[in-house]
Amino acid sequence: MTSSDMPKIDVPTLTADNLVLRPAVLDDAQFIVGLARDAAIHRMYGGSAASLKPPYTEVEAREWVHNAMEHPCTWVIDVGTVIGTARLDRIDMQDRRASFAIGIHSPDWLGKGIGTDATRMVLEFAFSTLKLHRISLRVIAYNSRAIRSYEKSGFVIEGREREAGFVDGEWHDDIMMGILDREFSAEPR
């Protein structure tokens, strides 16, 4: 299922003490221009050093914002500055399921609980508002920080896809994780 096949969701603004998840707007490009593409973060997404690009140009920043605006269910992560996105992909209202993805692009904001909080906020919306039953994700096996964050949000490891990612000349496994509506609690674990 491509994003054009998914139902367009009226993405609301979600707020917590330390962050806002909201729909992207054109002015968000100003936060993206010049943002360095961090090598360590790129690797945690499963990218190789050879594919790392230089900082975002104005054209790339506008394209980034346009893609976020056109996606059926994406929020920008705003902490006074835009630091990334969270989204639901492959939303299937028949089977009441979707997959989840999140990316924080600034190393300055890692390790502060922002990703875990944003994940919980999206899960709350997915289960309470959209009435989804299941959310899944996949993460490269060496990204232990992300795996811990997902587990804090209630995801459980459901499987491993062996040698699914080729990063810097080596094969790495992907971990498949999932959470069911009855397993979710908006309260921190």
N, C-alpha and C. Protein backbone atom coordinates (compact mmCIF):
# COMPACT_ATOMS: atom_id res chain seq x y z
N MET A 1 0.85 -1.18 0.00
CA MET A 1 0.00 0.00 0.00
C MET A 1 0.90 1.23 0.00
N THR A 2 0.72 2.11 -0.92
CA THR A 2 1.49 3.35 -0.97
C THR A 2 0.78 4.41 -0.16
N SER A 3 1.49 5.51 0.15
CA SER A 3 0.86 6.57 0.93
C SER A 3 -0.33 7.17 0.19
N SER A 4 -0.34 7.10 -1.14
CA SER A 4 -1.48 7.63 -1.89
C SER A 4 -2.70 6.72 -1.77
N ASP A 5 -2.50 5.46 -1.38
CA ASP A 5 -3.61 4.53 -1.18
C ASP A 5 -4.23 4.66 0.21
N MET A 6 -3.52 5.27 1.14
CA MET A 6 -4.00 5.38 2.51
C MET A 6 -5.05 6.47 2.62
N PRO A 7 -5.96 6.32 3.58
CA PRO A 7 -6.91 7.41 3.81
C PRO A 7 -6.16 8.63 4.33
N LYS A 8 -6.57 9.80 3.89
CA LYS A 8 -5.98 11.04 4.41
C LYS A 8 -6.57 11.30 5.78
N ILE A 9 -5.74 11.45 6.77
CA ILE A 9 -6.16 11.65 8.15
C ILE A 9 -6.08 13.14 8.47
N ASP A 10 -7.09 13.64 9.15
CA ASP A 10 -7.06 15.03 9.62
C ASP A 10 -6.15 15.04 10.85
N VAL A 11 -4.89 15.31 10.64
CA VAL A 11 -3.88 15.21 11.69
C VAL A 11 -4.04 16.39 12.66
N PRO A 12 -4.38 16.09 13.91
CA PRO A 12 -4.53 17.17 14.89
C PRO A 12 -3.19 17.55 15.50
N THR A 13 -3.15 18.68 16.15
CA THR A 13 -1.98 19.06 16.94
C THR A 13 -2.08 18.33 18.28
N LEU A 14 -0.99 17.69 18.65
CA LEU A 14 -0.90 16.95 19.92
C LEU A 14 0.14 17.65 20.78
N THR A 15 -0.18 17.90 22.04
CA THR A 15 0.75 18.63 22.90
C THR A 15 1.06 17.85 24.17
N ALA A 16 2.27 18.05 24.64
CA ALA A 16 2.73 17.53 25.93
C ALA A 16 3.54 18.64 26.58
N ASP A 17 4.05 18.38 27.76
CA ASP A 17 4.79 19.42 28.49
C ASP A 17 5.95 19.98 27.70
N ASN A 18 6.67 19.12 27.02
CA ASN A 18 7.94 19.55 26.42
C ASN A 18 7.96 19.52 24.90
N LEU A 19 6.82 19.20 24.27
CA LEU A 19 6.84 19.18 22.81
C LEU A 19 5.44 19.29 22.23
N VAL A 20 5.44 19.62 20.95
CA VAL A 20 4.20 19.71 20.17
C VAL A 20 4.39 18.86 18.92
N LEU A 21 3.41 18.02 18.64
CA LEU A 21 3.35 17.31 17.36
C LEU A 21 2.26 17.99 16.58
N ARG A 22 2.58 18.43 15.38
CA ARG A 22 1.61 19.19 14.59
C ARG A 22 1.82 18.94 13.12
N PRO A 23 0.80 19.28 12.32
CA PRO A 23 0.99 19.17 10.87
C PRO A 23 2.09 20.12 10.41
N ALA A 24 2.79 19.73 9.37
CA ALA A 24 3.84 20.58 8.80
C ALA A 24 3.22 21.80 8.12
N VAL A 25 3.95 22.89 8.15
CA VAL A 25 3.57 24.12 7.44
C VAL A 25 4.77 24.59 6.63
N LEU A 26 4.52 25.40 5.63
CA LEU A 26 5.59 25.85 4.73
C LEU A 26 6.75 26.51 5.47
N ASP A 27 6.45 27.26 6.52
CA ASP A 27 7.50 27.95 7.27
C ASP A 27 8.47 27.00 7.97
N ASP A 28 8.12 25.72 8.07
CA ASP A 28 9.03 24.77 8.72
C ASP A 28 10.33 24.60 7.95
N ALA A 29 10.33 24.96 6.69
CA ALA A 29 11.56 24.83 5.89
C ALA A 29 12.71 25.63 6.50
N GLN A 30 12.39 26.75 7.16
CA GLN A 30 13.45 27.56 7.76
C GLN A 30 14.23 26.80 8.83
N PHE A 31 13.58 25.84 9.49
CA PHE A 31 14.26 25.05 10.52
C PHE A 31 15.12 23.95 9.91
N ILE A 32 14.80 23.56 8.69
CA ILE A 32 15.47 22.44 8.05
C ILE A 32 16.69 22.89 7.25
N VAL A 33 16.64 24.10 6.68
CA VAL A 33 17.77 24.61 5.89
C VAL A 33 19.03 24.61 6.75
N GLY A 34 20.08 24.01 6.24
CA GLY A 34 21.35 24.00 6.94
C GLY A 34 21.48 22.93 8.00
N LEU A 35 20.37 22.23 8.31
CA LEU A 35 20.44 21.17 9.31
C LEU A 35 21.39 20.09 8.82
N ALA A 36 22.38 19.83 9.62
CA ALA A 36 23.36 18.80 9.25
C ALA A 36 22.70 17.44 9.29
N ARG A 37 23.09 16.62 8.36
CA ARG A 37 22.65 15.24 8.37
C ARG A 37 23.70 14.47 9.15
N ASP A 38 23.37 14.15 10.38
CA ASP A 38 24.30 13.56 11.32
C ASP A 38 24.62 12.11 10.94
N ALA A 39 25.90 11.78 10.88
CA ALA A 39 26.32 10.43 10.46
C ALA A 39 25.83 9.35 11.42
N ALA A 40 25.89 9.60 12.73
CA ALA A 40 25.45 8.59 13.70
C ALA A 40 23.94 8.36 13.59
N ILE A 41 23.18 9.42 13.43
CA ILE A 41 21.73 9.28 13.28
C ILE A 41 21.41 8.56 11.98
N HIS A 42 22.10 8.94 10.93
CA HIS A 42 21.90 8.30 9.62
C HIS A 42 22.13 6.80 9.72
N ARG A 43 23.14 6.40 10.47
CA ARG A 43 23.45 4.98 10.66
C ARG A 43 22.34 4.29 11.46
N MET A 44 21.77 4.97 12.44
CA MET A 44 20.69 4.38 13.24
C MET A 44 19.43 4.17 12.40
N TYR A 45 19.27 4.94 11.34
CA TYR A 45 18.16 4.75 10.40
C TYR A 45 18.45 3.61 9.42
N GLY A 46 19.69 3.08 9.47
CA GLY A 46 20.07 2.01 8.57
C GLY A 46 20.77 2.51 7.33
N GLY A 47 21.30 3.73 7.37
CA GLY A 47 22.00 4.31 6.23
C GLY A 47 23.51 4.13 6.32
N SER A 48 24.14 3.99 5.19
CA SER A 48 25.59 3.87 5.11
C SER A 48 26.24 5.24 5.00
N ALA A 49 27.49 5.33 5.45
CA ALA A 49 28.23 6.59 5.38
C ALA A 49 28.31 7.12 3.96
N ALA A 50 28.45 6.21 2.99
CA ALA A 50 28.57 6.63 1.59
C ALA A 50 27.31 7.32 1.07
N SER A 51 26.17 7.07 1.70
CA SER A 51 24.92 7.69 1.23
C SER A 51 24.55 8.94 2.01
N LEU A 52 25.39 9.35 2.96
CA LEU A 52 25.13 10.55 3.75
C LEU A 52 25.32 11.79 2.88
N LYS A 53 24.35 12.66 2.91
CA LYS A 53 24.39 13.87 2.10
C LYS A 53 24.81 15.07 2.95
N PRO A 54 25.22 16.17 2.31
CA PRO A 54 25.56 17.39 3.06
C PRO A 54 24.30 18.02 3.67
N PRO A 55 24.45 19.09 4.46
CA PRO A 55 23.28 19.74 5.07
C PRO A 55 22.22 20.09 4.03
N TYR A 56 20.98 20.20 4.52
CA TYR A 56 19.84 20.51 3.65
C TYR A 56 19.98 21.87 2.98
N THR A 57 19.76 21.91 1.69
CA THR A 57 19.69 23.16 0.95
C THR A 57 18.27 23.71 1.08
N GLU A 58 18.05 24.92 0.60
CA GLU A 58 16.69 25.49 0.64
C GLU A 58 15.71 24.64 -0.17
N VAL A 59 16.14 24.18 -1.33
CA VAL A 59 15.26 23.35 -2.16
C VAL A 59 14.93 22.04 -1.45
N GLU A 60 15.93 21.41 -0.86
CA GLU A 60 15.69 20.15 -0.15
C GLU A 60 14.81 20.36 1.08
N ALA A 61 14.99 21.47 1.76
CA ALA A 61 14.17 21.77 2.94
C ALA A 61 12.71 21.95 2.54
N ARG A 62 12.47 22.67 1.45
CA ARG A 62 11.08 22.84 0.98
C ARG A 62 10.50 21.50 0.55
N GLU A 63 11.30 20.65 -0.08
CA GLU A 63 10.84 19.32 -0.49
C GLU A 63 10.51 18.46 0.74
N TRP A 64 11.35 18.54 1.77
CA TRP A 64 11.11 17.83 3.02
C TRP A 64 9.76 18.22 3.61
N VAL A 65 9.52 19.53 3.67
CA VAL A 65 8.25 20.04 4.22
C VAL A 65 7.08 19.60 3.33
N HIS A 66 7.25 19.72 2.02
CA HIS A 66 6.18 19.31 1.10
C HIS A 66 5.83 17.84 1.31
N ASN A 67 6.84 16.98 1.42
CA ASN A 67 6.58 15.55 1.64
C ASN A 67 5.83 15.32 2.95
N ALA A 68 6.22 16.04 4.00
CA ALA A 68 5.53 15.90 5.29
C ALA A 68 4.07 16.38 5.17
N MET A 69 3.84 17.44 4.41
CA MET A 69 2.48 17.97 4.25
C MET A 69 1.61 17.04 3.41
N GLU A 70 2.21 16.37 2.45
CA GLU A 70 1.44 15.50 1.55
C GLU A 70 1.20 14.10 2.11
N HIS A 71 2.00 13.68 3.06
CA HIS A 71 1.83 12.34 3.64
C HIS A 71 0.48 12.29 4.36
N PRO A 72 -0.23 11.18 4.27
CA PRO A 72 -1.56 11.10 4.88
C PRO A 72 -1.61 11.24 6.40
N CYS A 73 -0.50 10.96 7.11
CA CYS A 73 -0.56 11.01 8.58
C CYS A 73 0.82 11.26 9.18
N THR A 74 1.29 12.50 9.05
CA THR A 74 2.61 12.88 9.56
C THR A 74 2.50 14.10 10.45
N TRP A 75 3.28 14.08 11.51
CA TRP A 75 3.44 15.23 12.40
C TRP A 75 4.89 15.66 12.37
N VAL A 76 5.14 16.96 12.47
CA VAL A 76 6.50 17.42 12.76
C VAL A 76 6.64 17.45 14.28
N ILE A 77 7.84 17.17 14.73
CA ILE A 77 8.15 17.21 16.15
C ILE A 77 8.75 18.59 16.41
N ASP A 78 8.03 19.39 17.19
CA ASP A 78 8.37 20.79 17.41
C ASP A 78 8.68 21.01 18.89
N VAL A 79 9.90 21.41 19.18
CA VAL A 79 10.32 21.73 20.55
C VAL A 79 10.76 23.20 20.60
N GLY A 80 10.08 24.04 19.82
CA GLY A 80 10.49 25.41 19.62
C GLY A 80 11.24 25.54 18.31
N THR A 81 11.75 24.45 17.85
CA THR A 81 12.35 24.28 16.54
C THR A 81 11.93 22.89 16.05
N VAL A 82 11.85 22.72 14.77
CA VAL A 82 11.46 21.42 14.23
C VAL A 82 12.68 20.50 14.26
N ILE A 83 12.52 19.34 14.91
CA ILE A 83 13.66 18.42 15.05
C ILE A 83 13.43 17.08 14.36
N GLY A 84 12.24 16.87 13.78
CA GLY A 84 12.00 15.60 13.11
C GLY A 84 10.53 15.39 12.80
N THR A 85 10.19 14.14 12.54
CA THR A 85 8.81 13.78 12.23
C THR A 85 8.44 12.46 12.90
N ALA A 86 7.15 12.28 13.06
CA ALA A 86 6.56 11.00 13.47
C ALA A 86 5.40 10.76 12.53
N ARG A 87 5.18 9.49 12.15
CA ARG A 87 4.11 9.24 11.19
C ARG A 87 3.55 7.83 11.32
N LEU A 88 2.34 7.71 10.85
CA LEU A 88 1.71 6.40 10.69
C LEU A 88 1.69 6.10 9.20
N ASP A 89 2.20 4.94 8.84
CA ASP A 89 2.24 4.50 7.45
C ASP A 89 1.31 3.29 7.29
N ARG A 90 0.98 3.01 6.04
CA ARG A 90 0.19 1.82 5.70
C ARG A 90 -1.03 1.65 6.60
N ILE A 91 -1.76 2.73 6.81
CA ILE A 91 -2.97 2.67 7.62
C ILE A 91 -4.01 1.83 6.88
N ASP A 92 -4.51 0.82 7.55
CA ASP A 92 -5.51 -0.09 6.99
C ASP A 92 -6.70 -0.08 7.94
N MET A 93 -7.75 0.65 7.58
CA MET A 93 -8.92 0.77 8.45
C MET A 93 -9.73 -0.52 8.50
N GLN A 94 -9.64 -1.35 7.48
CA GLN A 94 -10.34 -2.63 7.49
C GLN A 94 -9.78 -3.54 8.59
N ASP A 95 -8.46 -3.69 8.61
CA ASP A 95 -7.82 -4.53 9.61
C ASP A 95 -7.42 -3.75 10.86
N ARG A 96 -7.67 -2.43 10.85
CA ARG A 96 -7.38 -1.54 11.98
C ARG A 96 -5.92 -1.65 12.42
N ARG A 97 -5.03 -1.44 11.44
CA ARG A 97 -3.61 -1.54 11.71
C ARG A 97 -2.84 -0.47 10.94
N ALA A 98 -1.62 -0.23 11.38
CA ALA A 98 -0.73 0.72 10.71
C ALA A 98 0.69 0.41 11.15
N SER A 99 1.65 1.04 10.49
CA SER A 99 3.02 0.96 10.96
C SER A 99 3.44 2.35 11.41
N PHE A 100 4.46 2.40 12.25
CA PHE A 100 4.90 3.65 12.87
C PHE A 100 6.36 3.91 12.49
N ALA A 101 6.67 5.18 12.29
CA ALA A 101 8.05 5.60 12.05
C ALA A 101 8.27 6.95 12.73
N ILE A 102 9.46 7.12 13.24
CA ILE A 102 9.82 8.39 13.88
C ILE A 102 11.27 8.68 13.55
N GLY A 103 11.59 9.94 13.41
CA GLY A 103 12.97 10.34 13.17
C GLY A 103 13.26 11.66 13.84
N ILE A 104 14.25 11.67 14.71
CA ILE A 104 14.75 12.91 15.30
C ILE A 104 16.08 13.17 14.62
N HIS A 105 16.18 14.31 13.96
CA HIS A 105 17.32 14.57 13.08
C HIS A 105 18.46 15.34 13.74
N SER A 106 18.26 15.81 14.96
CA SER A 106 19.29 16.60 15.63
C SER A 106 19.86 15.83 16.82
N PRO A 107 21.17 15.58 16.83
CA PRO A 107 21.76 14.84 17.96
C PRO A 107 21.58 15.57 19.29
N ASP A 108 21.40 16.88 19.26
CA ASP A 108 21.22 17.65 20.49
C ASP A 108 19.95 17.25 21.24
N TRP A 109 19.01 16.64 20.54
CA TRP A 109 17.72 16.30 21.15
C TRP A 109 17.57 14.81 21.43
N LEU A 110 18.60 14.05 21.21
CA LEU A 110 18.55 12.62 21.52
C LEU A 110 18.80 12.40 23.02
N GLY A 111 18.22 11.35 23.56
CA GLY A 111 18.44 11.00 24.95
C GLY A 111 17.69 11.85 25.95
N LYS A 112 16.73 12.64 25.50
CA LYS A 112 15.96 13.52 26.37
C LYS A 112 14.52 13.04 26.57
N GLY A 113 14.19 11.89 25.99
CA GLY A 113 12.83 11.36 26.14
C GLY A 113 11.83 11.90 25.12
N ILE A 114 12.29 12.76 24.23
CA ILE A 114 11.40 13.36 23.23
C ILE A 114 10.80 12.28 22.32
N GLY A 115 11.63 11.36 21.85
CA GLY A 115 11.14 10.31 20.96
C GLY A 115 10.12 9.41 21.64
N THR A 116 10.38 9.05 22.89
CA THR A 116 9.44 8.22 23.63
C THR A 116 8.13 8.96 23.85
N ASP A 117 8.20 10.23 24.23
CA ASP A 117 6.98 11.02 24.43
C ASP A 117 6.19 11.15 23.13
N ALA A 118 6.89 11.44 22.04
CA ALA A 118 6.22 11.58 20.74
C ALA A 118 5.58 10.26 20.32
N THR A 119 6.27 9.16 20.57
CA THR A 119 5.71 7.85 20.23
C THR A 119 4.43 7.59 21.00
N ARG A 120 4.44 7.86 22.29
CA ARG A 120 3.23 7.66 23.11
C ARG A 120 2.07 8.54 22.61
N MET A 121 2.39 9.77 22.23
CA MET A 121 1.35 10.68 21.76
C MET A 121 0.69 10.15 20.48
N VAL A 122 1.52 9.65 19.56
CA VAL A 122 0.98 9.10 18.31
C VAL A 122 0.18 7.83 18.59
N LEU A 123 0.68 6.98 19.49
CA LEU A 123 -0.05 5.76 19.83
C LEU A 123 -1.41 6.09 20.46
N GLU A 124 -1.44 7.07 21.34
CA GLU A 124 -2.70 7.49 21.95
C GLU A 124 -3.70 7.90 20.88
N PHE A 125 -3.25 8.69 19.91
CA PHE A 125 -4.12 9.12 18.80
C PHE A 125 -4.56 7.91 17.98
N ALA A 126 -3.62 7.03 17.66
CA ALA A 126 -3.94 5.88 16.81
C ALA A 126 -4.96 4.96 17.46
N PHE A 127 -4.81 4.70 18.75
CA PHE A 127 -5.71 3.77 19.43
C PHE A 127 -7.01 4.43 19.87
N SER A 128 -6.95 5.66 20.36
CA SER A 128 -8.15 6.31 20.88
C SER A 128 -9.00 6.96 19.80
N THR A 129 -8.36 7.67 18.88
CA THR A 129 -9.10 8.42 17.87
C THR A 129 -9.37 7.58 16.62
N LEU A 130 -8.32 6.96 16.08
CA LEU A 130 -8.49 6.17 14.86
C LEU A 130 -9.06 4.78 15.15
N LYS A 131 -9.03 4.37 16.42
CA LYS A 131 -9.54 3.06 16.84
C LYS A 131 -8.78 1.91 16.17
N LEU A 132 -7.47 2.12 15.97
CA LEU A 132 -6.66 1.04 15.42
C LEU A 132 -6.46 -0.04 16.48
N HIS A 133 -6.19 -1.24 16.03
CA HIS A 133 -5.99 -2.37 16.92
C HIS A 133 -4.50 -2.71 17.08
N ARG A 134 -3.73 -2.46 16.03
CA ARG A 134 -2.32 -2.89 16.04
C ARG A 134 -1.45 -1.85 15.33
N ILE A 135 -0.28 -1.61 15.92
CA ILE A 135 0.74 -0.76 15.31
C ILE A 135 2.03 -1.57 15.29
N SER A 136 2.71 -1.55 14.16
CA SER A 136 3.98 -2.28 14.05
C SER A 136 5.08 -1.33 13.62
N LEU A 137 6.30 -1.80 13.75
CA LEU A 137 7.46 -1.04 13.28
C LEU A 137 8.60 -2.02 13.05
N ARG A 138 9.61 -1.52 12.38
CA ARG A 138 10.85 -2.28 12.23
C ARG A 138 12.00 -1.32 12.51
N VAL A 139 13.04 -1.88 13.09
CA VAL A 139 14.19 -1.08 13.49
C VAL A 139 15.44 -1.93 13.30
N ILE A 140 16.52 -1.31 12.86
CA ILE A 140 17.76 -2.07 12.68
C ILE A 140 18.25 -2.54 14.05
N ALA A 141 18.71 -3.76 14.12
CA ALA A 141 18.98 -4.43 15.40
C ALA A 141 19.99 -3.71 16.28
N TYR A 142 20.94 -2.99 15.72
CA TYR A 142 21.95 -2.32 16.54
C TYR A 142 21.47 -0.99 17.12
N ASN A 143 20.26 -0.56 16.77
CA ASN A 143 19.75 0.71 17.29
C ASN A 143 19.08 0.48 18.65
N SER A 144 19.91 0.19 19.64
CA SER A 144 19.41 -0.16 20.98
C SER A 144 18.67 1.01 21.64
N ARG A 145 19.07 2.24 21.36
CA ARG A 145 18.37 3.39 21.95
C ARG A 145 16.93 3.42 21.48
N ALA A 146 16.70 3.22 20.20
CA ALA A 146 15.33 3.22 19.67
C ALA A 146 14.54 2.03 20.21
N ILE A 147 15.16 0.88 20.27
CA ILE A 147 14.47 -0.31 20.78
C ILE A 147 14.02 -0.09 22.22
N ARG A 148 14.89 0.47 23.06
CA ARG A 148 14.51 0.78 24.45
C ARG A 148 13.36 1.76 24.50
N SER A 149 13.40 2.79 23.64
CA SER A 149 12.32 3.78 23.60
C SER A 149 10.99 3.12 23.21
N TYR A 150 11.04 2.28 22.19
CA TYR A 150 9.82 1.60 21.75
C TYR A 150 9.28 0.69 22.85
N GLU A 151 10.17 -0.01 23.55
CA GLU A 151 9.72 -0.88 24.64
C GLU A 151 9.09 -0.06 25.77
N LYS A 152 9.65 1.12 26.08
CA LYS A 152 9.05 2.00 27.09
C LYS A 152 7.64 2.42 26.69
N SER A 153 7.39 2.50 25.40
CA SER A 153 6.08 2.89 24.89
C SER A 153 5.11 1.71 24.81
N GLY A 154 5.61 0.49 25.05
CA GLY A 154 4.75 -0.68 25.06
C GLY A 154 4.95 -1.66 23.93
N PHE A 155 5.78 -1.32 22.96
CA PHE A 155 6.06 -2.25 21.86
C PHE A 155 6.79 -3.48 22.40
N VAL A 156 6.53 -4.62 21.80
CA VAL A 156 7.25 -5.84 22.14
C VAL A 156 7.92 -6.37 20.87
N ILE A 157 9.04 -7.04 21.07
CA ILE A 157 9.73 -7.64 19.93
C ILE A 157 8.94 -8.86 19.48
N GLU A 158 8.63 -8.90 18.20
CA GLU A 158 7.84 -9.99 17.63
C GLU A 158 8.65 -10.88 16.70
N GLY A 159 9.79 -10.38 16.26
CA GLY A 159 10.58 -11.20 15.36
C GLY A 159 11.83 -10.49 14.88
N ARG A 160 12.57 -11.21 14.08
CA ARG A 160 13.83 -10.71 13.54
C ARG A 160 13.89 -11.12 12.08
N GLU A 161 14.19 -10.15 11.23
CA GLU A 161 14.43 -10.45 9.83
C GLU A 161 15.95 -10.43 9.64
N ARG A 162 16.48 -11.59 9.40
CA ARG A 162 17.93 -11.74 9.34
C ARG A 162 18.53 -11.05 8.11
N GLU A 163 19.64 -10.36 8.34
CA GLU A 163 20.41 -9.71 7.29
C GLU A 163 19.53 -8.93 6.31
N ALA A 164 18.70 -8.08 6.87
CA ALA A 164 17.76 -7.30 6.06
C ALA A 164 18.32 -5.95 5.63
N GLY A 165 19.36 -5.48 6.32
CA GLY A 165 19.93 -4.18 5.98
C GLY A 165 21.42 -4.29 5.72
N PHE A 166 21.87 -3.65 4.66
CA PHE A 166 23.29 -3.65 4.29
C PHE A 166 23.84 -2.27 4.60
N VAL A 167 24.60 -2.15 5.68
CA VAL A 167 25.08 -0.86 6.16
C VAL A 167 26.60 -0.90 6.23
N ASP A 168 27.21 0.03 5.54
CA ASP A 168 28.67 0.17 5.53
C ASP A 168 29.38 -1.16 5.27
N GLY A 169 28.86 -1.90 4.29
CA GLY A 169 29.50 -3.13 3.85
C GLY A 169 29.20 -4.36 4.69
N GLU A 170 28.30 -4.24 5.65
CA GLU A 170 27.95 -5.39 6.50
C GLU A 170 26.44 -5.58 6.55
N TRP A 171 26.02 -6.83 6.69
CA TRP A 171 24.60 -7.16 6.82
C TRP A 171 24.19 -7.04 8.28
N HIS A 172 22.99 -6.51 8.49
CA HIS A 172 22.44 -6.36 9.83
C HIS A 172 20.98 -6.81 9.83
N ASP A 173 20.55 -7.36 10.96
CA ASP A 173 19.17 -7.80 11.11
C ASP A 173 18.25 -6.62 11.38
N ASP A 174 16.99 -6.78 11.02
CA ASP A 174 15.93 -5.86 11.43
C ASP A 174 15.13 -6.54 12.52
N ILE A 175 14.70 -5.76 13.49
CA ILE A 175 13.83 -6.24 14.56
C ILE A 175 12.42 -5.75 14.25
N MET A 176 11.45 -6.67 14.30
CA MET A 176 10.06 -6.30 14.11
C MET A 176 9.42 -6.20 15.50
N MET A 177 8.71 -5.10 15.71
CA MET A 177 8.05 -4.87 16.99
C MET A 177 6.59 -4.52 16.73
N GLY A 178 5.76 -4.75 17.73
CA GLY A 178 4.35 -4.43 17.60
C GLY A 178 3.73 -4.13 18.95
N ILE A 179 2.58 -3.47 18.89
CA ILE A 179 1.79 -3.18 20.08
C ILE A 179 0.32 -3.27 19.70
N LEU A 180 -0.47 -3.85 20.59
CA LEU A 180 -1.92 -3.96 20.39
C LEU A 180 -2.62 -2.91 21.26
N ASP A 181 -3.81 -2.52 20.84
CA ASP A 181 -4.54 -1.50 21.58
C ASP A 181 -4.68 -1.82 23.06
N ARG A 182 -4.95 -3.07 23.39
CA ARG A 182 -5.14 -3.44 24.81
C ARG A 182 -3.84 -3.41 25.60
N GLU A 183 -2.69 -3.37 24.93
CA GLU A 183 -1.41 -3.33 25.61
C GLU A 183 -0.92 -1.91 25.88
N PHE A 184 -1.55 -0.94 25.24
CA PHE A 184 -1.06 0.42 25.32
C PHE A 184 -1.55 1.13 26.58
N SER A 185 -0.65 1.85 27.20
CA SER A 185 -0.99 2.74 28.29
C SER A 185 -0.27 4.06 28.02
N ALA A 186 -1.01 5.16 28.08
CA ALA A 186 -0.41 6.46 27.83
C ALA A 186 0.55 6.85 28.95
N GLU A 187 0.47 6.13 30.07
CA GLU A 187 1.36 6.41 31.20
C GLU A 187 2.75 5.82 30.94
N PRO A 188 3.80 6.52 31.31
CA PRO A 188 5.16 6.01 31.12
C PRO A 188 5.36 4.69 31.86
N ARG A 189 6.18 3.83 31.26
CA ARG A 189 6.53 2.54 31.89
C ARG A 189 7.73 2.71 32.77
